[in-house]
Amino acid sequence: MPALPAADLDHVLRQTDRLWADVAGRRVFITGGTGFFGRWALESFVAANDRLRLNAEAVVLTRRAEAFRRAEPHVGTHPAVRLVDGDVRSFELSPEPFAAILHMATDADVGLIDRKPSLIIDTIVNGTRRVLDYAQACGTPRLLHTSSGAVYGRQPPELRHLPEEFPGAPVLSAPRAAYAEAKRLAEVMCLLAVRDAGIGAVNARCFAFVGPLLPTGRGYAIGNFFGDAVARRPIRIAGDGTPVRSYLYAADLAIWLWTLALRGTPGRAYNVGSETEVSIGDAARAVSRAFDLPPPIAGAVAPPPGCLPERYVPSTARARDELGLLTWIEFPEAVTRTADWLRAQDPS
């Protein structure tokens, strides 16, 4: 797949220019570097390395190193990128000095979460354990763990934005509770690593996103909408379209991830997302308009009047107040940029 848009990488570098001195002449270790989060982190790292002459190196753990080199040679064969074959749960690498570790290796495919919840738990929990052990062996001062807003459980519909202090938890019998509970345990493991091993671990509770490289057909609404649009199919909404979400653009996500990795307070959790509320129906209509398609088709009758819609929207006051992180690219522009990038992959 072609490189990310130059304008997006320019945006990332403008907002992170103060950070890169921390990795100049040093290495970073990235797990999950070939996934959605990881690709944005990796490509922005490569752009910074080239433009700022950092003389840095990214060591990237992946289960498909050779396939990634063939598919994405602009990053997979870049001299500043060293791909290492291995499973996050059991990789064997000699300790090296790293400026930071970005632990992003989790398969969030809804189908896999539903079919193989035990595998999801194993990958998240034992993968985090292995990464923390490796960080301790390396003496790594900083570690970013990408957690999830799922750790809060169901958001009360009357609560507009979920703060980090919200004391909720997943219902154990709920669908996909395995993923949420595994992320909760991984967060606790990171907190213990701060206390017991002095690892500067930060938990990033990630919500919903949009942008180039966004997976389609993996069970998440906006990804499905873009998948329908690219295939020139009518966009279908699985429910009634009333649930409320918010979407952070992927270039902003990359800024947040690097800032949390290098400046976040160890032992602290930060929500990662946008506070701008968008209903699922409005998201579908925005994607339809971007591709000049007919209006979306809803799959269920709207709820009775007065019934509050389901919500999944974070408060990002902590990241904003402590680290100056913002939503620079708002949802309408995010949809337009994503659509433009997808069309460029297949101009026909």
Protein backbone atom coordinates (compact mmCIF):
# COMPACT_ATOMS: atom_id res chain seq x y z
CA MET A 1 0.00 0.00 0.00
CA PRO A 2 1.40 3.44 -0.88
CA ALA A 3 2.92 5.78 1.65
CA LEU A 4 0.79 7.96 3.85
CA PRO A 5 -0.12 11.43 2.58
CA ALA A 6 2.78 13.87 2.76
CA ALA A 7 0.48 16.57 4.16
CA ASP A 8 -0.45 14.29 7.05
CA LEU A 9 3.16 13.46 7.85
CA ASP A 10 4.01 17.17 7.67
CA HIS A 11 1.25 17.80 10.19
CA VAL A 12 2.60 15.12 12.54
CA LEU A 13 6.12 16.52 12.38
CA ARG A 14 4.96 20.09 13.01
CA GLN A 15 3.17 19.07 16.19
CA THR A 16 5.93 16.73 17.45
CA ASP A 17 9.06 18.70 16.56
CA ARG A 18 9.97 19.19 20.23
CA LEU A 19 9.93 15.44 20.90
CA TRP A 20 12.41 14.00 18.45
CA ALA A 21 15.55 15.11 20.28
CA ASP A 22 14.69 12.36 22.78
CA VAL A 23 15.30 9.67 20.16
CA ALA A 24 18.11 11.26 18.14
CA GLY A 25 20.97 8.80 17.80
CA ARG A 26 18.97 6.18 19.71
CA ARG A 27 16.60 3.27 19.10
CA VAL A 28 12.90 2.72 19.71
CA PHE A 29 11.23 -0.68 19.92
CA ILE A 30 7.75 -1.07 18.42
CA THR A 31 5.41 -4.04 18.73
CA GLY A 32 2.45 -4.11 16.38
CA GLY A 33 4.36 -1.90 13.98
CA THR A 34 2.58 -3.30 10.92
CA GLY A 35 -0.96 -2.61 12.21
CA PHE A 36 -3.03 0.57 11.96
CA PHE A 37 -1.54 2.29 15.02
CA GLY A 38 1.92 0.91 14.37
CA ARG A 39 2.08 1.95 10.73
CA TRP A 40 1.25 5.54 11.62
CA ALA A 41 3.85 5.54 14.38
CA LEU A 42 6.44 3.89 12.14
CA GLU A 43 5.90 6.07 9.06
CA SER A 44 5.97 9.25 11.13
CA PHE A 45 9.18 8.01 12.78
CA VAL A 46 10.76 7.41 9.36
CA ALA A 47 9.68 10.87 8.17
CA ALA A 48 11.16 12.50 11.26
CA ASN A 49 14.36 10.48 10.97
CA ASP A 50 14.87 11.51 7.35
CA ARG A 51 13.90 15.17 7.60
CA LEU A 52 15.54 15.90 10.94
CA ARG A 53 18.55 13.63 10.38
CA LEU A 54 18.01 11.90 13.69
CA ASN A 55 20.28 8.94 12.94
CA ALA A 56 17.78 6.87 14.95
CA GLU A 57 16.54 3.31 14.44
CA ALA A 58 13.16 1.62 14.92
CA VAL A 59 13.30 -2.06 15.82
CA VAL A 60 9.91 -3.50 14.86
CA LEU A 61 8.59 -6.85 16.07
CA THR A 62 6.27 -8.51 13.57
CA ARG A 63 5.03 -11.98 12.68
CA ARG A 64 5.39 -11.27 8.97
CA ALA A 65 8.62 -9.38 8.40
CA GLU A 66 9.34 -10.57 4.85
CA ALA A 67 5.76 -10.06 3.71
CA PHE A 68 5.82 -6.54 5.11
CA ARG A 69 9.11 -5.75 3.34
CA ARG A 70 7.58 -6.82 0.03
CA ALA A 71 4.26 -5.05 0.57
CA GLU A 72 5.61 -1.81 2.08
CA PRO A 73 9.20 -1.39 0.88
CA HIS A 74 9.22 2.38 1.57
CA VAL A 75 9.21 1.56 5.29
CA GLY A 76 9.97 -2.17 5.43
CA THR A 77 13.35 -1.78 3.72
CA HIS A 78 14.18 1.68 5.04
CA PRO A 79 17.69 1.79 6.56
CA ALA A 80 16.30 3.22 9.81
CA VAL A 81 13.89 0.28 10.25
CA ARG A 82 14.93 -3.15 11.47
CA LEU A 83 12.16 -5.75 11.24
CA VAL A 84 12.39 -8.68 13.63
CA ASP A 85 10.32 -11.85 13.24
CA GLY A 86 8.59 -12.98 16.40
CA ASP A 87 5.44 -13.42 18.44
CA VAL A 88 4.82 -10.73 21.06
CA ARG A 89 4.15 -13.44 23.65
CA SER A 90 7.43 -15.29 23.21
CA PHE A 91 9.95 -13.27 21.21
CA GLU A 92 13.62 -13.75 22.03
CA LEU A 93 15.81 -10.70 21.54
CA SER A 94 19.02 -9.68 23.21
CA PRO A 95 18.57 -6.62 25.44
CA GLU A 96 19.40 -3.32 23.75
CA PRO A 97 19.24 0.28 24.94
CA PHE A 98 16.02 1.92 23.78
CA ALA A 99 14.79 5.47 24.27
CA ALA A 100 11.24 4.13 24.38
CA ILE A 101 9.09 1.08 23.69
CA LEU A 102 5.72 1.46 21.96
CA HIS A 103 3.68 -1.66 22.73
CA MET A 104 0.83 -1.73 20.22
CA ALA A 105 0.55 -5.43 19.37
CA THR A 106 -3.11 -6.35 19.78
CA ASP A 107 -5.45 -7.73 17.15
CA ALA A 108 -8.67 -5.74 17.61
CA ASP A 109 -10.54 -7.54 14.80
CA VAL A 110 -14.10 -7.94 16.11
CA GLY A 111 -14.51 -11.27 14.33
CA LEU A 112 -11.40 -12.70 16.00
CA ILE A 113 -12.44 -11.32 19.39
CA ASP A 114 -15.80 -13.08 19.01
CA ARG A 115 -14.38 -16.36 17.66
CA LYS A 116 -11.27 -16.75 19.80
CA PRO A 117 -11.56 -14.74 23.02
CA SER A 118 -9.00 -16.97 24.78
CA LEU A 119 -6.45 -16.16 22.10
CA ILE A 120 -7.13 -12.45 22.55
CA ILE A 121 -6.58 -12.73 26.31
CA ASP A 122 -3.38 -14.72 25.79
CA THR A 123 -1.98 -12.25 23.28
CA ILE A 124 -2.79 -9.15 25.34
CA VAL A 125 -1.81 -10.43 28.78
CA ASN A 126 1.17 -12.61 27.96
CA GLY A 127 2.33 -10.23 25.25
CA THR A 128 2.33 -7.35 27.74
CA ARG A 129 4.13 -9.50 30.30
CA ARG A 130 6.85 -10.36 27.77
CA VAL A 131 7.26 -6.74 26.66
CA LEU A 132 7.54 -5.51 30.26
CA ASP A 133 10.13 -8.18 31.05
CA TYR A 134 12.10 -7.14 27.98
CA ALA A 135 11.82 -3.44 28.91
CA GLN A 136 13.23 -4.21 32.34
CA ALA A 137 16.11 -6.24 30.85
CA CYS A 138 16.89 -3.37 28.50
CA GLY A 139 16.64 -0.68 31.17
CA THR A 140 14.16 1.19 28.98
CA PRO A 141 13.05 4.42 30.67
CA ARG A 142 9.71 4.84 28.84
CA LEU A 143 6.99 2.51 27.59
CA LEU A 144 3.66 3.22 25.93
CA HIS A 145 0.92 0.60 26.21
CA THR A 146 -2.06 1.09 23.89
CA SER A 147 -5.07 0.14 25.94
CA SER A 148 -8.71 0.79 25.06
CA GLY A 149 -11.72 2.79 26.11
CA ALA A 150 -13.38 -0.61 26.43
CA VAL A 151 -11.87 -0.84 29.93
CA TYR A 152 -14.64 1.47 31.20
CA GLY A 153 -17.45 -0.87 30.23
CA ARG A 154 -20.72 0.64 29.10
CA GLN A 155 -20.81 4.43 29.12
CA PRO A 156 -23.91 5.74 30.91
CA PRO A 157 -25.93 7.48 28.16
CA GLU A 158 -26.41 10.54 30.35
CA LEU A 159 -22.62 10.97 30.72
CA ARG A 160 -21.47 12.94 27.68
CA HIS A 161 -17.72 12.33 28.01
CA LEU A 162 -15.93 9.54 29.87
CA PRO A 163 -13.12 10.80 32.14
CA GLU A 164 -10.18 8.64 33.16
CA GLU A 165 -11.54 8.53 36.74
CA PHE A 166 -14.81 6.87 35.69
CA PRO A 167 -15.12 3.76 37.90
CA GLY A 168 -17.00 1.59 35.42
CA ALA A 169 -16.04 -1.91 34.30
CA PRO A 170 -17.15 -4.34 31.60
CA VAL A 171 -19.96 -6.77 32.35
CA LEU A 172 -18.22 -10.13 32.30
CA SER A 173 -21.03 -11.80 30.36
CA ALA A 174 -21.12 -9.06 27.73
CA PRO A 175 -19.89 -9.69 24.20
CA ARG A 176 -16.19 -8.94 23.83
CA ALA A 177 -15.65 -8.71 27.59
CA ALA A 178 -12.53 -10.84 27.10
CA TYR A 179 -10.84 -8.04 25.16
CA ALA A 180 -11.82 -5.35 27.67
CA GLU A 181 -10.82 -7.38 30.73
CA ALA A 182 -7.49 -8.35 29.17
CA LYS A 183 -6.76 -4.68 28.52
CA ARG A 184 -7.64 -3.86 32.13
CA LEU A 185 -5.22 -6.50 33.37
CA ALA A 186 -2.51 -5.28 30.99
CA GLU A 187 -2.95 -1.77 32.43
CA VAL A 188 -2.50 -3.12 35.96
CA MET A 189 0.64 -4.95 34.85
CA CYS A 190 2.03 -1.67 33.51
CA LEU A 191 1.24 0.11 36.77
CA LEU A 192 3.04 -2.60 38.73
CA ALA A 193 6.02 -2.25 36.39
CA VAL A 194 6.17 1.45 37.25
CA ARG A 195 6.09 0.71 40.97
CA ASP A 196 8.28 -2.38 41.11
CA ALA A 197 10.68 -2.05 38.18
CA GLY A 198 10.89 1.68 37.58
CA ILE A 199 9.64 1.37 33.99
CA GLY A 200 8.05 4.64 32.87
CA ALA A 201 4.89 3.01 31.55
CA VAL A 202 1.94 5.06 30.28
CA ASN A 203 -1.48 3.63 29.38
CA ALA A 204 -3.19 5.11 26.31
CA ARG A 205 -6.93 4.34 26.40
CA CYS A 206 -7.78 4.48 22.72
CA PHE A 207 -11.31 5.12 21.44
CA ALA A 208 -12.35 5.38 17.75
CA PHE A 209 -10.36 6.60 14.76
CA VAL A 210 -10.55 7.35 11.07
CA GLY A 211 -7.91 7.86 8.40
CA PRO A 212 -5.71 6.20 5.80
CA LEU A 213 -4.85 2.56 6.61
CA LEU A 214 -8.06 2.19 8.64
CA PRO A 215 -9.05 -1.49 8.40
CA THR A 216 -12.33 -2.15 6.61
CA GLY A 217 -14.65 -5.08 7.12
CA ARG A 218 -13.43 -5.81 10.66
CA GLY A 219 -16.65 -5.11 12.49
CA TYR A 220 -16.24 -1.41 13.28
CA ALA A 221 -18.89 0.88 11.84
CA ILE A 222 -16.90 3.57 10.08
CA GLY A 223 -14.43 1.07 8.62
CA ASN A 224 -17.38 -0.91 7.23
CA PHE A 225 -18.83 2.28 5.74
CA PHE A 226 -15.59 3.05 3.92
CA GLY A 227 -15.38 -0.57 2.75
CA ASP A 228 -18.88 -0.30 1.27
CA ALA A 229 -18.06 3.04 -0.33
CA VAL A 230 -14.85 1.85 -1.98
CA ALA A 231 -16.74 -1.16 -3.39
CA ARG A 232 -19.51 1.19 -4.58
CA ARG A 233 -22.06 -0.71 -2.50
CA PRO A 234 -24.92 0.99 -0.68
CA ILE A 235 -23.71 1.86 2.81
CA ARG A 236 -25.59 -0.19 5.38
CA ILE A 237 -25.98 0.70 9.04
CA ALA A 238 -26.29 -2.41 11.20
CA GLY A 239 -28.52 -0.69 13.79
CA ASP A 240 -30.68 2.40 13.81
CA GLY A 241 -27.80 4.86 13.50
CA THR A 242 -28.41 6.64 16.82
CA PRO A 243 -25.36 5.47 18.87
CA VAL A 244 -22.87 8.28 19.39
CA ARG A 245 -19.15 7.96 18.74
CA SER A 246 -16.23 10.32 18.17
CA TYR A 247 -13.38 9.87 15.71
CA LEU A 248 -9.81 11.11 16.00
CA TYR A 249 -8.01 11.44 12.67
CA ALA A 250 -5.05 9.09 12.30
CA ALA A 251 -2.45 11.85 11.84
CA ASP A 252 -3.61 13.37 15.13
CA LEU A 253 -3.46 9.87 16.63
CA ALA A 254 0.21 9.59 15.66
CA ILE A 255 0.91 12.92 17.40
CA TRP A 256 -0.84 11.69 20.54
CA LEU A 257 0.97 8.33 20.57
CA TRP A 258 4.44 9.84 20.24
CA THR A 259 3.66 12.54 22.80
CA LEU A 260 2.36 10.02 25.34
CA ALA A 261 5.31 7.71 24.68
CA LEU A 262 7.90 10.43 25.29
CA ARG A 263 6.14 12.93 27.58
CA GLY A 264 3.27 11.17 29.34
CA THR A 265 3.48 10.83 33.12
CA PRO A 266 4.52 7.29 34.10
CA GLY A 267 1.75 5.37 35.84
CA ARG A 268 -0.91 7.61 34.31
CA ALA A 269 -3.72 6.67 31.93
CA TYR A 270 -4.78 9.06 29.18
CA ASN A 271 -7.87 8.87 27.00
CA VAL A 272 -6.95 9.05 23.31
CA GLY A 273 -9.68 10.22 20.98
CA SER A 274 -11.86 13.13 19.97
CA GLU A 275 -14.57 14.81 22.04
CA THR A 276 -16.58 15.75 18.93
CA GLU A 277 -19.80 13.72 19.02
CA VAL A 278 -20.98 12.03 15.83
CA SER A 279 -23.89 9.61 15.53
CA ILE A 280 -23.32 6.41 13.59
CA GLY A 281 -25.98 7.58 11.14
CA ASP A 282 -24.24 10.92 10.59
CA ALA A 283 -20.92 9.13 10.11
CA ALA A 284 -22.48 6.91 7.44
CA ARG A 285 -24.01 9.91 5.70
CA ALA A 286 -20.67 11.75 5.73
CA VAL A 287 -18.94 8.79 4.06
CA SER A 288 -21.79 8.51 1.52
CA ARG A 289 -21.43 12.18 0.58
CA ALA A 290 -17.65 11.87 0.26
CA PHE A 291 -18.13 9.13 -2.34
CA ASP A 292 -21.27 10.59 -3.98
CA LEU A 293 -23.34 7.55 -3.01
CA PRO A 294 -27.08 7.26 -2.22
CA PRO A 295 -28.14 7.79 1.40
CA PRO A 296 -27.24 4.96 3.78
CA ILE A 297 -29.68 2.19 4.61
CA ALA A 298 -30.47 1.73 8.30
CA GLY A 299 -31.05 -1.79 9.60
CA ALA A 300 -33.33 -1.14 12.56
CA VAL A 301 -36.21 1.05 13.68
CA ALA A 302 -35.26 4.09 15.73
CA PRO A 303 -35.79 3.77 19.49
CA PRO A 304 -38.81 5.37 21.19
CA PRO A 305 -38.68 9.13 21.79
CA GLY A 306 -36.84 10.05 24.96
CA CYS A 307 -34.59 6.97 24.89
CA LEU A 308 -31.01 8.19 25.19
CA PRO A 309 -28.63 6.76 22.56
CA GLU A 310 -25.66 4.59 23.46
CA ARG A 311 -22.42 6.58 23.72
CA TYR A 312 -18.68 5.94 23.43
CA VAL A 313 -17.04 9.36 23.72
CA PRO A 314 -14.02 10.24 25.88
CA SER A 315 -13.10 13.27 27.89
CA THR A 316 -9.65 14.31 26.73
CA ALA A 317 -9.14 17.09 29.26
CA ARG A 318 -6.19 15.31 30.87
CA ALA A 319 -4.24 14.99 27.62
CA ARG A 320 -5.18 18.53 26.63
CA ASP A 321 -4.32 20.15 29.96
CA GLU A 322 -1.16 18.18 30.76
CA LEU A 323 0.32 17.68 27.29
CA GLY A 324 -1.35 20.23 25.00
CA LEU A 325 -2.90 17.54 22.81
CA LEU A 326 -5.80 18.61 20.61
CA THR A 327 -8.06 17.46 17.82
CA TRP A 328 -6.49 19.47 15.04
CA ILE A 329 -8.28 17.78 12.12
CA GLU A 330 -12.03 17.70 12.75
CA PHE A 331 -14.37 14.96 11.57
CA PRO A 332 -15.61 16.40 8.23
CA GLU A 333 -12.03 17.03 7.08
CA ALA A 334 -10.97 13.63 8.42
CA VAL A 335 -13.60 11.90 6.27
CA THR A 336 -12.58 13.90 3.21
CA ARG A 337 -8.88 13.07 3.66
CA THR A 338 -9.61 9.39 4.20
CA ALA A 339 -11.84 9.25 1.12
CA ASP A 340 -9.24 11.03 -1.02
CA TRP A 341 -6.54 8.61 0.08
CA LEU A 342 -8.71 5.55 -0.59
CA ARG A 343 -9.69 6.82 -4.05
CA ALA A 344 -6.02 7.39 -4.86
CA GLN A 345 -5.35 3.68 -4.28
CA ASP A 346 -7.79 2.74 -7.04
CA PRO A 347 -8.50 5.71 -9.32
CA SER A 348 -10.91 3.61 -11.43
